[in-house]
Each structure stands twice: as C-alpha cells, then as structure tokens.
PDB file of N, CA and C in Angstrom:
ATOM      1  N   MET A   1      54.108 123.460 235.071  1.00  0.00           N
ATOM      2  CA  MET A   1      53.745 124.063 233.803  1.00  0.00           C
ATOM      3  C   MET A   1      53.540 122.944 232.785  1.00  0.00           C
ATOM      4  N   SER A   2      52.419 122.958 232.095  1.00  0.00           N
ATOM      5  CA  SER A   2      52.144 121.899 231.130  1.00  0.00           C
ATOM      6  C   SER A   2      53.002 122.073 229.882  1.00  0.00           C
ATOM      7  N   HIS A   3      53.105 121.018 229.110  1.00  0.00           N
ATOM      8  CA  HIS A   3      53.874 121.068 227.875  1.00  0.00           C
ATOM      9  C   HIS A   3      53.262 122.062 226.902  1.00  0.00           C
ATOM     10  N   LEU A   4      51.953 122.196 226.921  1.00  0.00           N
ATOM     11  CA  LEU A   4      51.294 123.150 226.042  1.00  0.00           C
ATOM     12  C   LEU A   4      51.650 124.574 226.450  1.00  0.00           C
ATOM     13  N   SER A   5      51.827 124.820 227.735  1.00  0.00           N
ATOM     14  CA  SER A   5      52.247 126.148 228.200  1.00  0.00           C
ATOM     15  C   SER A   5      53.643 126.467 227.690  1.00  0.00           C
ATOM     16  N   HIS A   6      54.533 125.457 227.683  1.00  0.00           N
ATOM     17  CA  HIS A   6      55.869 125.642 227.116  1.00  0.00           C
ATOM     18  C   HIS A   6      55.762 126.004 225.641  1.00  0.00           C
ATOM     19  N   LEU A   7      54.864 125.330 224.929  1.00  0.00           N
ATOM     20  CA  LEU A   7      54.676 125.601 223.504  1.00  0.00           C
ATOM     21  C   LEU A   7      54.200 127.029 223.298  1.00  0.00           C
ATOM     22  N   ASN A   8      53.195 127.442 224.046  1.00  0.00           N
ATOM     23  CA  ASN A   8      52.668 128.798 223.904  1.00  0.00           C
ATOM     24  C   ASN A   8      53.741 129.833 224.212  1.00  0.00           C
ATOM     25  N   ALA A   9      54.553 129.589 225.235  1.00  0.00           N
ATOM     26  CA  ALA A   9      55.627 130.518 225.573  1.00  0.00           C
ATOM     27  C   ALA A   9      56.665 130.569 224.456  1.00  0.00           C
ATOM     28  N   ALA A  10      57.013 129.416 223.906  1.00  0.00           N
ATOM     29  CA  ALA A  10      58.006 129.373 222.827  1.00  0.00           C
ATOM     30  C   ALA A  10      57.488 130.098 221.591  1.00  0.00           C
ATOM     31  N   LEU A  11      56.226 129.873 221.253  1.00  0.00           N
ATOM     32  CA  LEU A  11      55.657 130.541 220.087  1.00  0.00           C
ATOM     33  C   LEU A  11      55.561 132.044 220.301  1.00  0.00           C
ATOM     34  N   ALA A  12      55.218 132.461 221.493  1.00  0.00           N
ATOM     35  CA  ALA A  12      55.084 133.885 221.781  1.00  0.00           C
ATOM     36  C   ALA A  12      56.438 134.590 221.732  1.00  0.00           C
ATOM     37  N   ASN A  13      57.510 133.882 222.097  1.00  0.00           N
ATOM     38  CA  ASN A  13      58.847 134.482 222.129  1.00  0.00           C
ATOM     39  C   ASN A  13      59.610 134.324 220.830  1.00  0.00           C
ATOM     40  N   SER A  14      59.028 133.654 219.849  1.00  0.00           N
ATOM     41  CA  SER A  14      59.723 133.417 218.594  1.00  0.00           C
ATOM     42  C   SER A  14      59.733 134.679 217.746  1.00  0.00           C
ATOM     43  N   SER A  15      60.912 135.024 217.248  1.00  0.00           N
ATOM     44  CA  SER A  15      61.018 136.190 216.378  1.00  0.00           C
ATOM     45  C   SER A  15      61.247 135.779 214.928  1.00  0.00           C
ATOM     46  N   HIS A  16      61.236 134.489 214.664  1.00  0.00           N
ATOM     47  CA  HIS A  16      61.460 133.999 213.315  1.00  0.00           C
ATOM     48  C   HIS A  16      60.268 134.364 212.443  1.00  0.00           C
ATOM     49  N   PRO A  17      60.499 134.961 211.266  1.00  0.00           N
ATOM     50  CA  PRO A  17      59.378 135.397 210.426  1.00  0.00           C
ATOM     51  C   PRO A  17      58.520 134.260 209.909  1.00  0.00           C
ATOM     52  N   ALA A  18      59.065 133.035 209.849  1.00  0.00           N
ATOM     53  CA  ALA A  18      58.277 131.918 209.338  1.00  0.00           C
ATOM     54  C   ALA A  18      57.316 131.365 210.374  1.00  0.00           C
ATOM     55  N   VAL A  19      57.526 131.733 211.641  1.00  0.00           N
ATOM     56  CA  VAL A  19      56.655 131.234 212.699  1.00  0.00           C
ATOM     57  C   VAL A  19      55.574 132.266 212.951  1.00  0.00           C
ATOM     58  N   GLN A  20      54.369 131.917 212.580  1.00  0.00           N
ATOM     59  CA  GLN A  20      53.235 132.794 212.789  1.00  0.00           C
ATOM     60  C   GLN A  20      52.202 132.027 213.584  1.00  0.00           C
ATOM     61  N   VAL A  21      51.763 132.606 214.655  1.00  0.00           N
ATOM     62  CA  VAL A  21      50.803 131.930 215.501  1.00  0.00           C
ATOM     63  C   VAL A  21      49.405 132.304 215.049  1.00  0.00           C
ATOM     64  N   ALA A  22      48.605 131.299 214.783  1.00  0.00           N
ATOM     65  CA  ALA A  22      47.226 131.547 214.399  1.00  0.00           C
ATOM     66  C   ALA A  22      46.425 131.928 215.628  1.00  0.00           C
ATOM     67  N   PRO A  23      45.327 132.639 215.458  1.00  0.00           N
ATOM     68  CA  PRO A  23      44.497 132.987 216.609  1.00  0.00           C
ATOM     69  C   PRO A  23      44.041 131.730 217.346  1.00  0.00           C
ATOM     70  N   PRO A  24      43.931 131.791 218.668  1.00  0.00           N
ATOM     71  CA  PRO A  24      43.572 130.606 219.450  1.00  0.00           C
ATOM     72  C   PRO A  24      42.079 130.296 219.405  1.00  0.00           C
ATOM     73  N   PHE A  25      41.616 129.784 218.307  1.00  0.00           N
ATOM     74  CA  PHE A  25      40.232 129.353 218.191  1.00  0.00           C
ATOM     75  C   PHE A  25      40.212 127.995 217.517  1.00  0.00           C
ATOM     76  N   MET A  26      39.083 127.351 217.548  1.00  0.00           N
ATOM     77  CA  MET A  26      38.979 126.006 216.996  1.00  0.00           C
ATOM     78  C   MET A  26      39.407 126.013 215.534  1.00  0.00           C
ATOM     79  N   GLY A  27      40.268 125.116 215.177  1.00  0.00           N
ATOM     80  CA  GLY A  27      40.739 125.013 213.805  1.00  0.00           C
ATOM     81  C   GLY A  27      41.980 125.845 213.539  1.00  0.00           C
ATOM     82  N   ALA A  28      42.520 126.531 214.544  1.00  0.00           N
ATOM     83  CA  ALA A  28      43.732 127.315 214.346  1.00  0.00           C
ATOM     84  C   ALA A  28      44.880 126.372 214.025  1.00  0.00           C
ATOM     85  N   SER A  29      45.857 126.853 213.278  1.00  0.00           N
ATOM     86  CA  SER A  29      46.960 125.994 212.902  1.00  0.00           C
ATOM     87  C   SER A  29      48.271 126.765 212.897  1.00  0.00           C
ATOM     88  N   VAL A  30      49.362 126.017 212.924  1.00  0.00           N
ATOM     89  CA  VAL A  30      50.703 126.578 212.895  1.00  0.00           C
ATOM     90  C   VAL A  30      51.351 126.124 211.605  1.00  0.00           C
ATOM     91  N   PRO A  31      51.879 127.064 210.788  1.00  0.00           N
ATOM     92  CA  PRO A  31      52.516 126.649 209.541  1.00  0.00           C
ATOM     93  C   PRO A  31      53.815 125.913 209.806  1.00  0.00           C
ATOM     94  N   THR A  32      54.096 124.910 209.004  1.00  0.00           N
ATOM     95  CA  THR A  32      55.339 124.168 209.097  1.00  0.00           C
ATOM     96  C   THR A  32      55.944 124.107 207.702  1.00  0.00           C
ATOM     97  N   ALA A  33      57.016 123.363 207.538  1.00  0.00           N
ATOM     98  CA  ALA A  33      57.703 123.282 206.254  1.00  0.00           C
ATOM     99  C   ALA A  33      56.804 122.731 205.157  1.00  0.00           C
ATOM    100  N   LYS A  34      57.085 123.149 203.966  1.00  0.00           N
ATOM    101  CA  LYS A  34      56.388 122.675 202.771  1.00  0.00           C
ATOM    102  C   LYS A  34      54.876 122.870 202.862  1.00  0.00           C
ATOM    103  N   HIS A  35      54.476 123.966 203.486  1.00  0.00           N
ATOM    104  CA  HIS A  35      53.070 124.355 203.560  1.00  0.00           C
ATOM    105  C   HIS A  35      52.185 123.340 204.267  1.00  0.00           C
ATOM    106  N   ARG A  36      52.783 122.534 205.144  1.00  0.00           N
ATOM    107  CA  ARG A  36      51.975 121.643 205.970  1.00  0.00           C
ATOM    108  C   ARG A  36      51.584 122.408 207.216  1.00  0.00           C
ATOM    109  N   PHE A  37      50.478 122.056 207.798  1.00  0.00           N
ATOM    110  CA  PHE A  37      50.021 122.741 208.992  1.00  0.00           C
ATOM    111  C   PHE A  37      49.794 121.740 210.116  1.00  0.00           C
ATOM    112  N   ILE A  38      50.135 122.150 211.308  1.00  0.00           N
ATOM    113  CA  ILE A  38      49.854 121.374 212.503  1.00  0.00           C
ATOM    114  C   ILE A  38      48.765 122.133 213.241  1.00  0.00           C
ATOM    115  N   SER A  39      47.643 121.498 213.459  1.00  0.00           N
ATOM    116  CA  SER A  39      46.551 122.207 214.122  1.00  0.00           C
ATOM    117  C   SER A  39      46.852 122.378 215.596  1.00  0.00           C
ATOM    118  N   MET A  40      46.423 123.498 216.138  1.00  0.00           N
ATOM    119  CA  MET A  40      46.611 123.754 217.565  1.00  0.00           C
ATOM    120  C   MET A  40      45.857 122.713 218.381  1.00  0.00           C
ATOM    121  N   GLU A  41      44.777 122.213 217.820  1.00  0.00           N
ATOM    122  CA  GLU A  41      44.008 121.177 218.509  1.00  0.00           C
ATOM    123  C   GLU A  41      44.839 119.907 218.670  1.00  0.00           C
ATOM    124  N   SER A  42      45.574 119.530 217.626  1.00  0.00           N
ATOM    125  CA  SER A  42      46.398 118.319 217.732  1.00  0.00           C
ATOM    126  C   SER A  42      47.545 118.537 218.713  1.00  0.00           C
ATOM    127  N   LEU A  43      48.074 119.765 218.790  1.00  0.00           N
ATOM    128  CA  LEU A  43      49.123 120.040 219.762  1.00  0.00           C
ATOM    129  C   LEU A  43      48.577 120.031 221.182  1.00  0.00           C
ATOM    130  N   SER A  44      47.323 120.395 221.338  1.00  0.00           N
ATOM    131  CA  SER A  44      46.744 120.400 222.683  1.00  0.00           C
ATOM    132  C   SER A  44      46.625 118.985 223.242  1.00  0.00           C
ATOM    133  N   HIS A  45      46.662 117.986 222.373  1.00  0.00           N
ATOM    134  CA  HIS A  45      46.596 116.594 222.814  1.00  0.00           C
ATOM    135  C   HIS A  45      47.971 116.028 223.178  1.00  0.00           C
ATOM    136  N   PHE A  46      49.029 116.817 222.974  1.00  0.00           N
ATOM    137  CA  PHE A  46      50.381 116.344 223.265  1.00  0.00           C
ATOM    138  C   PHE A  46      50.510 115.916 224.724  1.00  0.00           C
ATOM    139  N   ASP A  47      49.903 116.666 225.638  1.00  0.00           N
ATOM    140  CA  ASP A  47      49.974 116.318 227.057  1.00  0.00           C
ATOM    141  C   ASP A  47      49.272 115.005 227.377  1.00  0.00           C
ATOM    142  N   LYS A  48      48.324 114.610 226.544  1.00  0.00           N
ATOM    143  CA  LYS A  48      47.562 113.386 226.803  1.00  0.00           C
ATOM    144  C   LYS A  48      48.191 112.146 226.175  1.00  0.00           C
ATOM    145  N   LEU A  49      49.186 112.332 225.323  1.00  0.00           N
ATOM    146  CA  LEU A  49      49.825 111.182 224.675  1.00  0.00           C
ATOM    147  C   LEU A  49      50.629 110.391 225.692  1.00  0.00           C
ATOM    148  N   PRO A  50      50.656 109.064 225.551  1.00  0.00           N
ATOM    149  CA  PRO A  50      51.505 108.269 226.442  1.00  0.00           C
ATOM    150  C   PRO A  50      52.985 108.491 226.097  1.00  0.00           C
ATOM    151  N   ASP A  51      53.855 108.244 227.046  1.00  0.00           N
ATOM    152  CA  ASP A  51      55.285 108.446 226.820  1.00  0.00           C
ATOM    153  C   ASP A  51      55.829 107.568 225.691  1.00  0.00           C
ATOM    154  N   CYS A  52      55.179 106.453 225.436  1.00  0.00           N
ATOM    155  CA  CYS A  52      55.666 105.550 224.390  1.00  0.00           C
ATOM    156  C   CYS A  52      55.211 105.962 222.989  1.00  0.00           C
ATOM    157  N   ALA A  53      54.380 106.999 222.881  1.00  0.00           N
ATOM    158  CA  ALA A  53      53.886 107.462 221.580  1.00  0.00           C
ATOM    159  C   ALA A  53      55.009 108.149 220.807  1.00  0.00           C
ATOM    160  N   HIS A  54      54.805 108.295 219.516  1.00  0.00           N
ATOM    161  CA  HIS A  54      55.763 108.966 218.641  1.00  0.00           C
ATOM    162  C   HIS A  54      55.063 110.096 217.893  1.00  0.00           C
ATOM    163  N   VAL A  55      55.806 111.175 217.614  1.00  0.00           N
ATOM    164  CA  VAL A  55      55.276 112.282 216.836  1.00  0.00           C
ATOM    165  C   VAL A  55      56.231 112.578 215.685  1.00  0.00           C
ATOM    166  N   ARG A  56      55.685 113.148 214.621  1.00  0.00           N
ATOM    167  CA  ARG A  56      56.475 113.422 213.426  1.00  0.00           C
ATOM    168  C   ARG A  56      57.101 114.816 213.486  1.00  0.00           C
ATOM    169  N   LEU A  57      57.841 115.142 212.461  1.00  0.00           N
ATOM    170  CA  LEU A  57      58.623 116.371 212.380  1.00  0.00           C
ATOM    171  C   LEU A  57      57.778 117.627 212.590  1.00  0.00           C
ATOM    172  N   GLY A  58      56.607 117.692 212.012  1.00  0.00           N
ATOM    173  CA  GLY A  58      55.776 118.885 212.137  1.00  0.00           C
ATOM    174  C   GLY A  58      55.429 119.221 213.572  1.00  0.00           C
ATOM    175  N   VAL A  59      55.184 118.218 214.380  1.00  0.00           N
ATOM    176  CA  VAL A  59      54.863 118.442 215.786  1.00  0.00           C
ATOM    177  C   VAL A  59      56.098 118.951 216.522  1.00  0.00           C
ATOM    178  N   VAL A  60      57.265 118.374 216.230  1.00  0.00           N
ATOM    179  CA  VAL A  60      58.499 118.826 216.865  1.00  0.00           C
ATOM    180  C   VAL A  60      58.772 120.283 216.483  1.00  0.00           C
ATOM    181  N   MET A  61      58.545 120.628 215.221  1.00  0.00           N
ATOM    182  CA  MET A  61      58.729 122.006 214.773  1.00  0.00           C
ATOM    183  C   MET A  61      57.821 122.951 215.547  1.00  0.00           C
ATOM    184  N   ALA A  62      56.580 122.554 215.725  1.00  0.00           N
ATOM    185  CA  ALA A  62      55.627 123.400 216.442  1.00  0.00           C
ATOM    186  C   ALA A  62      55.961 123.482 217.933  1.00  0.00           C
ATOM    187  N   LEU A  63      56.376 122.378 218.532  1.00  0.00           N
ATOM    188  CA  LEU A  63      56.708 122.379 219.956  1.00  0.00           C
ATOM    189  C   LEU A  63      57.878 123.305 220.274  1.00  0.00           C
ATOM    190  N   PHE A  64      58.866 123.338 219.391  1.00  0.00           N
ATOM    191  CA  PHE A  64      60.063 124.125 219.643  1.00  0.00           C
ATOM    192  C   PHE A  64      60.109 125.406 218.819  1.00  0.00           C
ATOM    193  N   ALA A  65      59.019 125.699 218.100  1.00  0.00           N
ATOM    194  CA  ALA A  65      58.888 126.944 217.327  1.00  0.00           C
ATOM    195  C   ALA A  65      60.089 127.185 216.422  1.00  0.00           C
ATOM    196  N   CYS A  66      60.389 126.194 215.597  1.00  0.00           N
ATOM    197  CA  CYS A  66      61.522 126.339 214.692  1.00  0.00           C
ATOM    198  C   CYS A  66      61.216 125.627 213.378  1.00  0.00           C
ATOM    199  N   SER A  67      62.070 125.840 212.403  1.00  0.00           N
ATOM    200  CA  SER A  67      61.901 125.234 211.082  1.00  0.00           C
ATOM    201  C   SER A  67      62.469 123.814 211.075  1.00  0.00           C
ATOM    202  N   ALA A  68      62.193 123.096 209.987  1.00  0.00           N
ATOM    203  CA  ALA A  68      62.714 121.735 209.851  1.00  0.00           C
ATOM    204  C   ALA A  68      64.244 121.704 209.850  1.00  0.00           C
ATOM    205  N   PRO A  69      64.911 122.586 209.086  1.00  0.00           N
ATOM    206  CA  PRO A  69      66.377 122.562 209.144  1.00  0.00           C
ATOM    207  C   PRO A  69      66.924 122.834 210.548  1.00  0.00           C
ATOM    208  N   THR A  70      66.244 123.701 211.299  1.00  0.00           N
ATOM    209  CA  THR A  70      66.693 123.987 212.662  1.00  0.00           C
ATOM    210  C   THR A  70      66.520 122.764 213.557  1.00  0.00           C
ATOM    211  N   VAL A  71      65.434 122.023 213.383  1.00  0.00           N
ATOM    212  CA  VAL A  71      65.252 120.782 214.158  1.00  0.00           C
ATOM    213  C   VAL A  71      66.412 119.847 213.879  1.00  0.00           C
ATOM    214  N   TRP A  72      66.748 119.656 212.610  1.00  0.00           N
ATOM    215  CA  TRP A  72      67.833 118.729 212.264  1.00  0.00           C
ATOM    216  C   TRP A  72      69.184 119.236 212.762  1.00  0.00           C
ATOM    217  N   ARG A  73      69.412 120.561 212.731  1.00  0.00           N
ATOM    218  CA  ARG A  73      70.662 121.106 213.288  1.00  0.00           C
ATOM    219  C   ARG A  73      70.740 120.848 214.785  1.00  0.00           C
ATOM    220  N   ARG A  74      69.611 121.017 215.485  1.00  0.00           N
ATOM    221  CA  ARG A  74      69.594 120.774 216.935  1.00  0.00           C
ATOM    222  C   ARG A  74      69.795 119.298 217.265  1.00  0.00           C
ATOM    223  N   VAL A  75      69.282 118.415 216.418  1.00  0.00           N
ATOM    224  CA  VAL A  75      69.512 116.973 216.610  1.00  0.00           C
ATOM    225  C   VAL A  75      70.999 116.686 216.435  1.00  0.00           C
ATOM    226  N   LYS A  76      71.584 117.239 215.383  1.00  0.00           N
ATOM    227  CA  LYS A  76      73.006 117.003 215.106  1.00  0.00           C
ATOM    228  C   LYS A  76      73.886 117.546 216.226  1.00  0.00           C
ATOM    229  N   ALA A  77      73.499 118.693 216.805  1.00  0.00           N
ATOM    230  CA  ALA A  77      74.274 119.303 217.885  1.00  0.00           C
ATOM    231  C   ALA A  77      74.020 118.629 219.235  1.00  0.00           C
ATOM    232  N   GLY A  78      73.019 117.756 219.306  1.00  0.00           N
ATOM    233  CA  GLY A  78      72.717 117.064 220.547  1.00  0.00           C
ATOM    234  C   GLY A  78      71.758 117.816 221.461  1.00  0.00           C
ATOM    235  N   HIS A  79      71.155 118.895 220.961  1.00  0.00           N
ATOM    236  CA  HIS A  79      70.198 119.667 221.761  1.00  0.00           C
ATOM    237  C   HIS A  79      68.808 119.041 221.753  1.00  0.00           C
ATOM    238  N   LEU A  80      68.518 118.260 220.728  1.00  0.00           N
ATOM    239  CA  LEU A  80      67.262 117.505 220.642  1.00  0.00           C
ATOM    240  C   LEU A  80      67.605 116.035 220.462  1.00  0.00           C
ATOM    241  N   PRO A  81      66.750 115.147 220.955  1.00  0.00           N
ATOM    242  CA  PRO A  81      67.028 113.715 220.775  1.00  0.00           C
ATOM    243  C   PRO A  81      66.901 113.321 219.307  1.00  0.00           C
ATOM    244  N   ALA A  82      67.619 112.308 218.933  1.00  0.00           N
ATOM    245  CA  ALA A  82      67.519 111.803 217.563  1.00  0.00           C
ATOM    246  C   ALA A  82      66.195 111.065 217.397  1.00  0.00           C
ATOM    247  N   PRO A  83      65.592 111.165 216.223  1.00  0.00           N
ATOM    248  CA  PRO A  83      64.338 110.445 215.994  1.00  0.00           C
ATOM    249  C   PRO A  83      64.608 108.961 215.781  1.00  0.00           C
ATOM    250  N   VAL A  84      63.575 108.185 215.911  1.00  0.00           N
ATOM    251  CA  VAL A  84      63.671 106.766 215.581  1.00  0.00           C
ATOM    252  C   VAL A  84      63.080 106.586 214.189  1.00  0.00           C
ATOM    253  N   ARG A  85      63.598 105.639 213.477  1.00  0.00           N
ATOM    254  CA  ARG A  85      63.072 105.345 212.142  1.00  0.00           C
ATOM    255  C   ARG A  85      61.967 104.325 212.316  1.00  0.00           C
ATOM    256  N   LYS A  86      60.745 104.734 211.983  1.00  0.00           N
ATOM    257  CA  LYS A  86      59.582 103.871 212.208  1.00  0.00           C
ATOM    258  C   LYS A  86      59.593 102.642 211.307  1.00  0.00           C
ATOM    259  N   LEU A  87      59.988 102.818 210.081  1.00  0.00           N
ATOM    260  CA  LEU A  87      60.061 101.698 209.154  1.00  0.00           C
ATOM    261  C   LEU A  87      61.474 101.623 208.613  1.00  0.00           C
ATOM    262  N   PRO A  88      62.220 100.578 208.969  1.00  0.00           N
ATOM    263  CA  PRO A  88      63.597 100.470 208.481  1.00  0.00           C
ATOM    264  C   PRO A  88      63.648 100.559 206.957  1.00  0.00           C
ATOM    265  N   GLY A  89      64.621 101.296 206.473  1.00  0.00           N
ATOM    266  CA  GLY A  89      64.783 101.447 205.034  1.00  0.00           C
ATOM    267  C   GLY A  89      63.965 102.582 204.447  1.00  0.00           C
ATOM    268  N   THR A  90      63.224 103.303 205.272  1.00  0.00           N
ATOM    269  CA  THR A  90      62.463 104.448 204.780  1.00  0.00           C
ATOM    270  C   THR A  90      63.010 105.721 205.410  1.00  0.00           C
ATOM    271  N   ARG A  91      62.507 106.844 204.957  1.00  0.00           N
ATOM    272  CA  ARG A  91      62.943 108.124 205.505  1.00  0.00           C
ATOM    273  C   ARG A  91      61.971 108.648 206.556  1.00  0.00           C
ATOM    274  N   ILE A  92      61.045 107.829 206.988  1.00  0.00           N
ATOM    275  CA  ILE A  92      60.060 108.251 207.984  1.00  0.00           C
ATOM    276  C   ILE A  92      60.722 108.261 209.357  1.00  0.00           C
ATOM    277  N   ALA A  93      60.717 109.432 209.972  1.00  0.00           N
ATOM    278  CA  ALA A  93      61.318 109.571 211.299  1.00  0.00           C
ATOM    279  C   ALA A  93      60.268 110.091 212.267  1.00  0.00           C
ATOM    280  N   ALA A  94      60.361 109.644 213.511  1.00  0.00           N
ATOM    281  CA  ALA A  94      59.433 110.099 214.544  1.00  0.00           C
ATOM    282  C   ALA A  94      60.186 110.172 215.864  1.00  0.00           C
ATOM    283  N   TRP A  95      59.756 111.093 216.700  1.00  0.00           N
ATOM    284  CA  TRP A  95      60.383 111.293 218.001  1.00  0.00           C
ATOM    285  C   TRP A  95      59.525 110.703 219.092  1.00  0.00           C
ATOM    286  N   ARG A  96      60.165 110.097 220.105  1.00  0.00           N
ATOM    287  CA  ARG A  96      59.437 109.576 221.263  1.00  0.00           C
ATOM    288  C   ARG A  96      58.931 110.755 222.094  1.00  0.00           C
ATOM    289  N   VAL A  97      57.680 110.700 222.476  1.00  0.00           N
ATOM    290  CA  VAL A  97      57.063 111.760 223.274  1.00  0.00           C
ATOM    291  C   VAL A  97      57.812 111.928 224.596  1.00  0.00           C
ATOM    292  N   ALA A  98      58.232 110.832 225.216  1.00  0.00           N
ATOM    293  CA  ALA A  98      58.945 110.912 226.492  1.00  0.00           C
ATOM    294  C   ALA A  98      60.238 111.722 226.358  1.00  0.00           C
ATOM    295  N   ASP A  99      60.968 111.537 225.261  1.00  0.00           N
ATOM    296  CA  ASP A  99      62.208 112.277 225.044  1.00  0.00           C
ATOM    297  C   ASP A  99      61.938 113.775 224.881  1.00  0.00           C
ATOM    298  N   LEU A 100      60.885 114.109 224.134  1.00  0.00           N
ATOM    299  CA  LEU A 100      60.538 115.516 223.927  1.00  0.00           C
ATOM    300  C   LEU A 100      60.065 116.166 225.219  1.00  0.00           C
ATOM    301  N   ARG A 101      59.296 115.430 226.009  1.00  0.00           N
ATOM    302  CA  ARG A 101      58.846 115.972 227.300  1.00  0.00           C
ATOM    303  C   ARG A 101      60.030 116.264 228.217  1.00  0.00           C
ATOM    304  N   ALA A 102      61.026 115.399 228.206  1.00  0.00           N
ATOM    305  CA  ALA A 102      62.202 115.618 229.049  1.00  0.00           C
ATOM    306  C   ALA A 102      62.928 116.903 228.630  1.00  0.00           C
ATOM    307  N   ILE A 103      63.023 117.159 227.340  1.00  0.00           N
ATOM    308  CA  ILE A 103      63.660 118.382 226.857  1.00  0.00           C
ATOM    309  C   ILE A 103      62.827 119.594 227.254  1.00  0.00           C
ATOM    310  N   LEU A 104      61.518 119.520 227.070  1.00  0.00           N
ATOM    311  CA  LEU A 104      60.636 120.644 227.411  1.00  0.00           C
ATOM    312  C   LEU A 104      60.677 120.957 228.902  1.00  0.00           C
ATOM    313  N   GLU A 105      60.769 119.943 229.733  1.00  0.00           N
ATOM    314  CA  GLU A 105      60.802 120.160 231.176  1.00  0.00           C
ATOM    315  C   GLU A 105      62.128 120.765 231.630  1.00  0.00           C
ATOM    316  N   SER A 106      63.196 120.517 230.879  1.00  0.00           N
ATOM    317  CA  SER A 106      64.508 121.057 231.268  1.00  0.00           C
ATOM    318  C   SER A 106      64.683 122.514 230.852  1.00  0.00           C
ATOM    319  N   VAL A 107      63.788 123.013 230.016  1.00  0.00           N
ATOM    320  CA  VAL A 107      63.888 124.401 229.539  1.00  0.00           C
ATOM    321  C   VAL A 107      63.370 125.352 230.577  1.00  0.00           C
TER     322      VAL A 107
END
C-alpha cells in the first residue's frame, strides 16, 4: 500500500470537523492550521521524495489527518518522531521523510 493510500484512508476515516477533504481534482487542497493549505498534488509527490528529504508541519498534519496541536501532542507522547530544526536558533521544524514513512508503514 502506498503512502498516499494511507493518507487517503486516514482522511476518509477522520471524524474531526476541521479535517475536510477537497474533491480529488487538480488543485484540490487540504486545510491546515492558520488557513494554510496543502495541495493534494504536493501530497501525491510524498512517495517520490527521497528518504533524506524533509517536510514541514502542514504535510505532517495532512498525512496523519490531524491538527497542529495534535501533531505536537503525538510528538511529545512518542507516537510521532520529533522534528529536526533546520536552522539552529529558529523555530523552523521539519520531519525526515524516512521517519514518517516508517510510522505510516507500521499503521
């Protein structure tokens, strides 16, 4: 099962009112925190990213069909890997694609 199939299954099973799946057509998007959107097209490229690539919070939210606070709670509880800080001294955090794939495959 591809990682995108896991995403589609997670989105379809989500009962959270903030998670709304856009119709599957070109330009469709998934709402994330603070009115940012992650396009379904960009998520479809997740399977093509190398394991050494990094993704930001919005992609993690879309992959696991949850809000930003839920992502951080899952990181704190050890259910999701901790992000790496891309630039020391900043608040920019990103997750390794390999770590996220390992979590998705174990589900």
